[in-house]
C-alpha atoms as a PDB file:
ATOM      1  CA  MET A   1       0.000   0.000   0.000  1.00  0.00           C
ATOM      2  CA  THR A   2       1.282   3.457  -0.884  1.00  0.00           C
ATOM      3  CA  VAL A   3       1.706   5.965   1.940  1.00  0.00           C
ATOM      4  CA  GLU A   4       0.548   9.479   0.992  1.00  0.00           C
ATOM      5  CA  HIS A   5       1.833  12.646   2.637  1.00  0.00           C
ATOM      6  CA  GLU A   6       0.956  16.290   2.117  1.00  0.00           C
ATOM      7  CA  ILE A   7       3.919  18.662   1.919  1.00  0.00           C
ATOM      8  CA  THR A   8       4.316  22.333   1.115  1.00  0.00           C
ATOM      9  CA  GLN A   9       6.289  23.669  -1.810  1.00  0.00           C
ATOM     10  CA  ARG A  10       8.754  25.064   0.733  1.00  0.00           C
ATOM     11  CA  ASP A  11       9.181  21.585   2.317  1.00  0.00           C
ATOM     12  CA  LEU A  12       9.879  20.144  -1.105  1.00  0.00           C
ATOM     13  CA  ARG A  13      12.557  22.755  -1.730  1.00  0.00           C
ATOM     14  CA  SER A  14      14.262  22.364   1.628  1.00  0.00           C
ATOM     15  CA  ARG A  15      13.939  18.564   2.034  1.00  0.00           C
ATOM     16  CA  SER A  16      14.119  17.420  -1.587  1.00  0.00           C
ATOM     17  CA  GLY A  17      16.723  14.694  -0.989  1.00  0.00           C
ATOM     18  CA  GLU A  18      14.807  13.167   1.908  1.00  0.00           C
ATOM     19  CA  ILE A  19      11.508  13.376   0.002  1.00  0.00           C
ATOM     20  CA  MET A  20      12.955  11.802  -3.166  1.00  0.00           C
ATOM     21  CA  ASP A  21      14.382   8.943  -1.067  1.00  0.00           C
ATOM     22  CA  ALA A  22      10.894   8.385   0.384  1.00  0.00           C
ATOM     23  CA  VAL A  23       9.360   8.394  -3.125  1.00  0.00           C
ATOM     24  CA  ALA A  24      11.969   5.838  -4.213  1.00  0.00           C
ATOM     25  CA  HIS A  25      10.731   3.639  -1.335  1.00  0.00           C
ATOM     26  CA  GLY A  26       7.077   3.826  -2.428  1.00  0.00           C
ATOM     27  CA  GLU A  27       5.727   6.890  -0.642  1.00  0.00           C
ATOM     28  CA  THR A  28       3.544   9.461  -2.431  1.00  0.00           C
ATOM     29  CA  PHE A  29       3.465  13.191  -1.731  1.00  0.00           C
ATOM     30  CA  VAL A  30       0.839  15.793  -2.572  1.00  0.00           C
ATOM     31  CA  VAL A  31       2.570  19.166  -2.932  1.00  0.00           C
ATOM     32  CA  THR A  32       0.637  22.251  -1.839  1.00  0.00           C
ATOM     33  CA  ARG A  33       1.099  25.966  -2.398  1.00  0.00           C
ATOM     34  CA  SER A  34      -0.771  28.276  -0.026  1.00  0.00           C
ATOM     35  CA  GLY A  35      -2.801  25.273   1.150  1.00  0.00           C
ATOM     36  CA  THR A  36      -3.930  24.320  -2.375  1.00  0.00           C
ATOM     37  CA  PRO A  37      -2.783  21.004  -3.866  1.00  0.00           C
ATOM     38  CA  ILE A  38      -0.739  21.669  -7.020  1.00  0.00           C
ATOM     39  CA  GLY A  39       1.003  18.408  -7.791  1.00  0.00           C
ATOM     40  CA  GLU A  40       1.797  14.887  -6.809  1.00  0.00           C
ATOM     41  CA  LEU A  41       5.079  13.008  -6.485  1.00  0.00           C
ATOM     42  CA  VAL A  42       4.554   9.304  -7.071  1.00  0.00           C
ATOM     43  CA  PRO A  43       6.979   6.399  -7.517  1.00  0.00           C
ATOM     44  CA  LEU A  44       7.409   5.106 -11.054  1.00  0.00           C
ATOM     45  CA  ARG A  45       5.910   1.717 -11.732  1.00  0.00           C
ATOM     46  CA  GLN A  46       8.570  -0.940 -12.063  1.00  0.00           C
ATOM     47  CA  ARG A  47       8.757  -2.547 -15.476  1.00  0.00           C
ATOM     48  CA  ARG A  48       9.138  -6.291 -15.608  1.00  0.00           C
ATOM     49  CA  VAL A  49      10.802  -8.084 -18.481  1.00  0.00           C
ATOM     50  CA  VAL A  50       9.036 -11.292 -19.449  1.00  0.00           C
ATOM     51  CA  SER A  51      11.171 -14.060 -20.887  1.00  0.00           C
ATOM     52  CA  ARG A  52      10.178 -15.881 -24.055  1.00  0.00           C
ATOM     53  CA  ALA A  53       9.438 -19.011 -22.009  1.00  0.00           C
ATOM     54  CA  GLU A  54       7.173 -17.087 -19.591  1.00  0.00           C
ATOM     55  CA  PHE A  55       5.337 -15.475 -22.509  1.00  0.00           C
ATOM     56  CA  ALA A  56       4.832 -18.867 -24.151  1.00  0.00           C
ATOM     57  CA  ALA A  57       3.506 -20.333 -20.883  1.00  0.00           C
ATOM     58  CA  MET A  58       1.072 -17.428 -20.415  1.00  0.00           C
ATOM     59  CA  SER A  59      -0.055 -17.719 -24.037  1.00  0.00           C
ATOM     60  CA  GLU A  60      -1.110 -21.333 -23.581  1.00  0.00           C
ATOM     61  CA  SER A  61      -4.102 -20.229 -21.518  1.00  0.00           C
ATOM     62  CA  ALA A  62      -4.945 -17.228 -23.720  1.00  0.00           C
ATOM     63  CA  MET A  63      -8.266 -17.046 -25.512  1.00  0.00           C
ATOM     64  CA  VAL A  64      -8.250 -18.370 -29.077  1.00  0.00           C
ATOM     65  CA  VAL A  65      -9.380 -15.767 -31.610  1.00  0.00           C
ATOM     66  CA  ASP A  66     -11.390 -16.819 -34.643  1.00  0.00           C
ATOM     67  CA  VAL A  67      -9.656 -14.635 -37.232  1.00  0.00           C
ATOM     68  CA  GLU A  68     -12.495 -14.775 -39.793  1.00  0.00           C
ATOM     69  CA  ARG A  69     -15.137 -13.823 -37.208  1.00  0.00           C
ATOM     70  CA  PHE A  70     -12.902 -11.031 -35.890  1.00  0.00           C
ATOM     71  CA  ARG A  71     -12.473  -9.631 -39.413  1.00  0.00           C
ATOM     72  CA  THR A  72     -16.227  -9.788 -40.038  1.00  0.00           C
ATOM     73  CA  ASP A  73     -16.964  -8.023 -36.753  1.00  0.00           C
ATOM     74  CA  LEU A  74     -14.365  -5.392 -37.580  1.00  0.00           C
ATOM     75  CA  ASP A  75     -15.779  -4.830 -41.072  1.00  0.00           C
ATOM     76  CA  ASP A  76     -19.274  -4.464 -39.597  1.00  0.00           C
ATOM     77  CA  ALA A  77     -18.091  -1.917 -37.043  1.00  0.00           C
ATOM     78  CA  VAL A  78     -15.872   0.258 -39.238  1.00  0.00           C
ATOM     79  CA  ASP A  79     -16.864   2.251 -42.291  1.00  0.00           C
ATOM     80  CA  ALA A  80     -13.998   1.539 -44.693  1.00  0.00           C
ATOM     81  CA  GLU A  81     -15.104   4.028 -47.358  1.00  0.00           C
ATOM     82  CA  MET A  82     -12.392   6.540 -48.251  1.00  0.00           C
ATOM     83  CA  ARG A  83     -13.427  10.167 -47.899  1.00  0.00           C
ATOM     84  CA  ASP A  84     -11.715  13.529 -48.298  1.00  0.00           C
ATOM     85  CA  PRO A  85     -11.311  14.761 -44.688  1.00  0.00           C
ATOM     86  CA  TYR A  86     -11.437  18.353 -45.970  1.00  0.00           C
ATOM     87  CA  GLY A  87     -14.392  17.871 -48.299  1.00  0.00           C
ATOM     88  CA  ARG A  88     -17.734  19.332 -47.330  1.00  0.00           C
END
């Protein structure tokens, strides 16, 4: 669970190193100016690399798509007629 703190713009300026360390450890800060929230400091989501073997294993349980039915549904939903976007 993310911990959220409210800090002033002045706190951010004077304690930036400490605050950035806290963000790096999962804490979130709402920055205020004159009591009004103006921004939020949040940790970046961690990206996870999936190996080819993991992807293959996950794909085994994926839904099978009927390509012909998908194409028909797509054709029914989209007007494929070419038009001049500037024509009136």
